[in-house]
C-alpha atoms as a PDB file:
ATOM      1  CA  MET A   1     -23.411  36.479 -93.627  1.00  0.00           C
ATOM      2  CA  GLU A   2     -23.352  33.622 -96.093  1.00  0.00           C
ATOM      3  CA  LEU A   3     -25.589  31.191 -97.940  1.00  0.00           C
ATOM      4  CA  VAL A   4     -24.992  27.622 -96.794  1.00  0.00           C
ATOM      5  CA  TRP A   5     -26.324  24.277 -97.908  1.00  0.00           C
ATOM      6  CA  PRO A   6     -28.812  22.931 -95.343  1.00  0.00           C
ATOM      7  CA  SER A   7     -26.902  20.441 -93.203  1.00  0.00           C
ATOM      8  CA  THR A   8     -27.054  18.568 -89.912  1.00  0.00           C
ATOM      9  CA  GLU A   9     -24.721  21.062 -88.229  1.00  0.00           C
ATOM     10  CA  HIS A  10     -27.271  23.853 -88.873  1.00  0.00           C
ATOM     11  CA  LEU A  11     -30.371  21.885 -87.831  1.00  0.00           C
ATOM     12  CA  PRO A  12     -30.421  22.967 -84.145  1.00  0.00           C
ATOM     13  CA  SER A  13     -30.447  26.668 -85.069  1.00  0.00           C
ATOM     14  CA  HIS A  14     -33.052  26.036 -87.794  1.00  0.00           C
ATOM     15  CA  ARG A  15     -35.245  24.204 -85.265  1.00  0.00           C
ATOM     16  CA  ALA A  16     -34.916  27.055 -82.769  1.00  0.00           C
ATOM     17  CA  ALA A  17     -36.149  29.583 -85.366  1.00  0.00           C
ATOM     18  CA  LEU A  18     -39.141  27.389 -86.208  1.00  0.00           C
ATOM     19  CA  ALA A  19     -39.938  26.857 -82.527  1.00  0.00           C
ATOM     20  CA  ARG A  20     -39.893  30.649 -81.958  1.00  0.00           C
ATOM     21  CA  GLY A  21     -42.560  31.107 -84.640  1.00  0.00           C
ATOM     22  CA  TRP A  22     -40.615  31.808 -87.826  1.00  0.00           C
ATOM     23  CA  SER A  23     -42.215  30.289 -90.939  1.00  0.00           C
ATOM     24  CA  PRO A  24     -40.447  29.514 -94.220  1.00  0.00           C
ATOM     25  CA  ASP A  25     -43.648  30.501 -96.074  1.00  0.00           C
ATOM     26  CA  SER A  26     -45.270  33.866 -95.355  1.00  0.00           C
ATOM     27  CA  GLU A  27     -48.386  32.769 -97.261  1.00  0.00           C
ATOM     28  CA  ARG A  28     -48.801  29.670 -95.077  1.00  0.00           C
ATOM     29  CA  PRO A  29     -47.770  30.235 -91.457  1.00  0.00           C
ATOM     30  CA  GLU A  30     -48.598  26.574 -90.769  1.00  0.00           C
ATOM     31  CA  ALA A  31     -45.599  25.712 -92.961  1.00  0.00           C
ATOM     32  CA  ALA A  32     -43.493  26.089 -89.801  1.00  0.00           C
ATOM     33  CA  HIS A  33     -45.332  23.147 -88.235  1.00  0.00           C
ATOM     34  CA  ASP A  34     -45.040  21.109 -91.454  1.00  0.00           C
ATOM     35  CA  GLU A  35     -41.303  21.785 -91.656  1.00  0.00           C
ATOM     36  CA  LEU A  36     -40.743  20.903 -87.984  1.00  0.00           C
ATOM     37  CA  ALA A  37     -42.631  17.635 -88.430  1.00  0.00           C
ATOM     38  CA  ALA A  38     -40.744  16.666 -91.613  1.00  0.00           C
ATOM     39  CA  ARG A  39     -37.313  17.385 -90.150  1.00  0.00           C
ATOM     40  CA  ASP A  40     -38.063  15.590 -86.885  1.00  0.00           C
ATOM     41  CA  VAL A  41     -39.408  12.440 -88.584  1.00  0.00           C
ATOM     42  CA  ASP A  42     -36.431  12.008 -90.921  1.00  0.00           C
ATOM     43  CA  PRO A  43     -33.733  14.704 -90.773  1.00  0.00           C
ATOM     44  CA  SER A  44     -31.720  13.132 -93.605  1.00  0.00           C
ATOM     45  CA  ALA A  45     -34.698  13.045 -95.973  1.00  0.00           C
ATOM     46  CA  PHE A  46     -35.649  16.587 -94.949  1.00  0.00           C
ATOM     47  CA  LEU A  47     -32.167  17.883 -95.777  1.00  0.00           C
ATOM     48  CA  ALA A  48     -32.061  15.924 -99.046  1.00  0.00           C
ATOM     49  CA  GLY A  49     -35.389  17.471-100.067  1.00  0.00           C
ATOM     50  CA  MET A  50     -34.014  20.965 -99.480  1.00  0.00           C
ATOM     51  CA  VAL A  51     -31.245  20.513-102.026  1.00  0.00           C
ATOM     52  CA  ALA A  52     -32.843  18.084-104.505  1.00  0.00           C
ATOM     53  CA  ARG A  53     -33.230  19.893-107.815  1.00  0.00           C
ATOM     54  CA  ASP A  54     -35.656  17.293-109.217  1.00  0.00           C
ATOM     55  CA  PRO A  55     -39.088  17.605-107.586  1.00  0.00           C
ATOM     56  CA  GLY A  56     -39.640  13.857-108.002  1.00  0.00           C
ATOM     57  CA  GLY A  57     -43.427  14.144-108.261  1.00  0.00           C
ATOM     58  CA  LEU A  58     -43.767  16.160-105.048  1.00  0.00           C
ATOM     59  CA  THR A  59     -46.531  18.725-104.705  1.00  0.00           C
ATOM     60  CA  ILE A  60     -46.808  22.099-102.981  1.00  0.00           C
ATOM     61  CA  ALA A  61     -49.837  23.074-100.886  1.00  0.00           C
ATOM     62  CA  LEU A  62     -51.322  26.424-101.906  1.00  0.00           C
ATOM     63  CA  PRO A  63     -53.024  28.834 -99.474  1.00  0.00           C
ATOM     64  CA  ASP A  64     -56.435  27.710-100.758  1.00  0.00           C
ATOM     65  CA  GLY A  65     -55.627  24.120 -99.750  1.00  0.00           C
ATOM     66  CA  SER A  66     -55.105  22.790-103.281  1.00  0.00           C
ATOM     67  CA  ASN A  67     -51.894  21.045-104.330  1.00  0.00           C
ATOM     68  CA  VAL A  68     -49.865  21.692-107.473  1.00  0.00           C
ATOM     69  CA  PRO A  69     -46.736  20.010-108.860  1.00  0.00           C
ATOM     70  CA  ARG A  70     -43.523  21.372-107.387  1.00  0.00           C
ATOM     71  CA  VAL A  71     -41.233  23.033-109.928  1.00  0.00           C
ATOM     72  CA  PRO A  72     -37.516  22.177-109.851  1.00  0.00           C
ATOM     73  CA  GLY A  73     -35.491  24.143-107.359  1.00  0.00           C
ATOM     74  CA  TYR A  74     -33.506  24.048-104.155  1.00  0.00           C
ATOM     75  CA  ARG A  75     -32.998  26.043-100.974  1.00  0.00           C
ATOM     76  CA  ARG A  76     -29.976  27.524 -99.276  1.00  0.00           C
ATOM     77  CA  TRP A  77     -29.967  28.772 -95.701  1.00  0.00           C
ATOM     78  CA  ILE A  78     -28.941  32.267 -94.684  1.00  0.00           C
ATOM     79  CA  TRP A  79     -26.342  31.933 -91.944  1.00  0.00           C
ATOM     80  CA  ASP A  80     -24.413  34.403 -89.780  1.00  0.00           C
ATOM     81  CA  GLY A  81     -23.363  32.087 -86.985  1.00  0.00           C
ATOM     82  CA  GLU A  82     -26.995  31.110 -86.535  1.00  0.00           C
ATOM     83  CA  PHE A  83     -29.924  30.422 -88.828  1.00  0.00           C
ATOM     84  CA  CYS A  84     -31.263  33.691 -90.306  1.00  0.00           C
ATOM     85  CA  GLY A  85     -33.633  32.451 -93.001  1.00  0.00           C
ATOM     86  CA  THR A  86     -33.923  30.634 -96.276  1.00  0.00           C
ATOM     87  CA  ILE A  87     -33.706  31.450 -99.962  1.00  0.00           C
ATOM     88  CA  GLY A  88     -35.195  29.250-102.664  1.00  0.00           C
ATOM     89  CA  LEU A  89     -34.343  29.156-106.359  1.00  0.00           C
ATOM     90  CA  ARG A  90     -36.932  27.757-108.799  1.00  0.00           C
ATOM     91  CA  TRP A  91     -37.100  27.171-112.562  1.00  0.00           C
ATOM     92  CA  GLN A  92     -38.750  25.138-115.287  1.00  0.00           C
ATOM     93  CA  PRO A  93     -36.414  23.425-117.741  1.00  0.00           C
ATOM     94  CA  GLY A  94     -36.509  24.817-121.262  1.00  0.00           C
ATOM     95  CA  THR A  95     -38.359  28.044-120.459  1.00  0.00           C
ATOM     96  CA  GLN A  96     -38.072  31.234-118.455  1.00  0.00           C
ATOM     97  CA  ALA A  97     -41.775  30.994-117.596  1.00  0.00           C
ATOM     98  CA  LEU A  98     -43.133  29.701-114.329  1.00  0.00           C
ATOM     99  CA  PRO A  99     -46.639  28.385-113.703  1.00  0.00           C
ATOM    100  CA  PRO A 100     -49.105  30.987-112.379  1.00  0.00           C
ATOM    101  CA  THR A 101     -49.056  29.250-108.988  1.00  0.00           C
ATOM    102  CA  CYS A 102     -45.334  29.966-108.544  1.00  0.00           C
ATOM    103  CA  LEU A 103     -44.685  33.499-107.287  1.00  0.00           C
ATOM    104  CA  GLY A 104     -41.209  33.814-108.784  1.00  0.00           C
ATOM    105  CA  HIS A 105     -37.820  32.339-109.526  1.00  0.00           C
ATOM    106  CA  ILE A 106     -36.450  33.446-106.153  1.00  0.00           C
ATOM    107  CA  GLY A 107     -38.242  33.300-102.831  1.00  0.00           C
ATOM    108  CA  TYR A 108     -36.965  34.020 -99.370  1.00  0.00           C
ATOM    109  CA  SER A 109     -37.991  34.240 -95.750  1.00  0.00           C
ATOM    110  CA  VAL A 110     -35.904  35.946 -93.085  1.00  0.00           C
ATOM    111  CA  VAL A 111     -36.140  35.309 -89.358  1.00  0.00           C
ATOM    112  CA  PRO A 112     -37.268  38.641 -87.856  1.00  0.00           C
ATOM    113  CA  MET A 113     -34.935  40.253 -85.333  1.00  0.00           C
ATOM    114  CA  GLY A 114     -36.359  40.158 -81.854  1.00  0.00           C
ATOM    115  CA  LEU A 115     -38.568  37.124 -82.520  1.00  0.00           C
ATOM    116  CA  ASP A 116     -39.629  36.063 -79.040  1.00  0.00           C
ATOM    117  CA  ALA A 117     -37.595  33.196 -77.633  1.00  0.00           C
END
């Protein structure tokens, strides 16, 4: 098992996990649909957004429907010959603190074994 940078070679396996019902956000199951739509519209921009450390004014939708500024961070994909999940690293420059809307410096979501095909 390894952490890999999101890339075009891993997109088919990532898509298969999303299509089977895996979501990158356990608080927002609809995030799977959002991620599928973003990657299908512009795969290059989708991949660039995964690894861009500067949030560039982007926002994050919260479970209550509100939007807050995205903190800097990036994602790596968990890979063992196929897509197994994602891990995200987040921070705010100049401080160890995170805003109350950010659950932590590290977040992850693993594709459950036996997820129906």
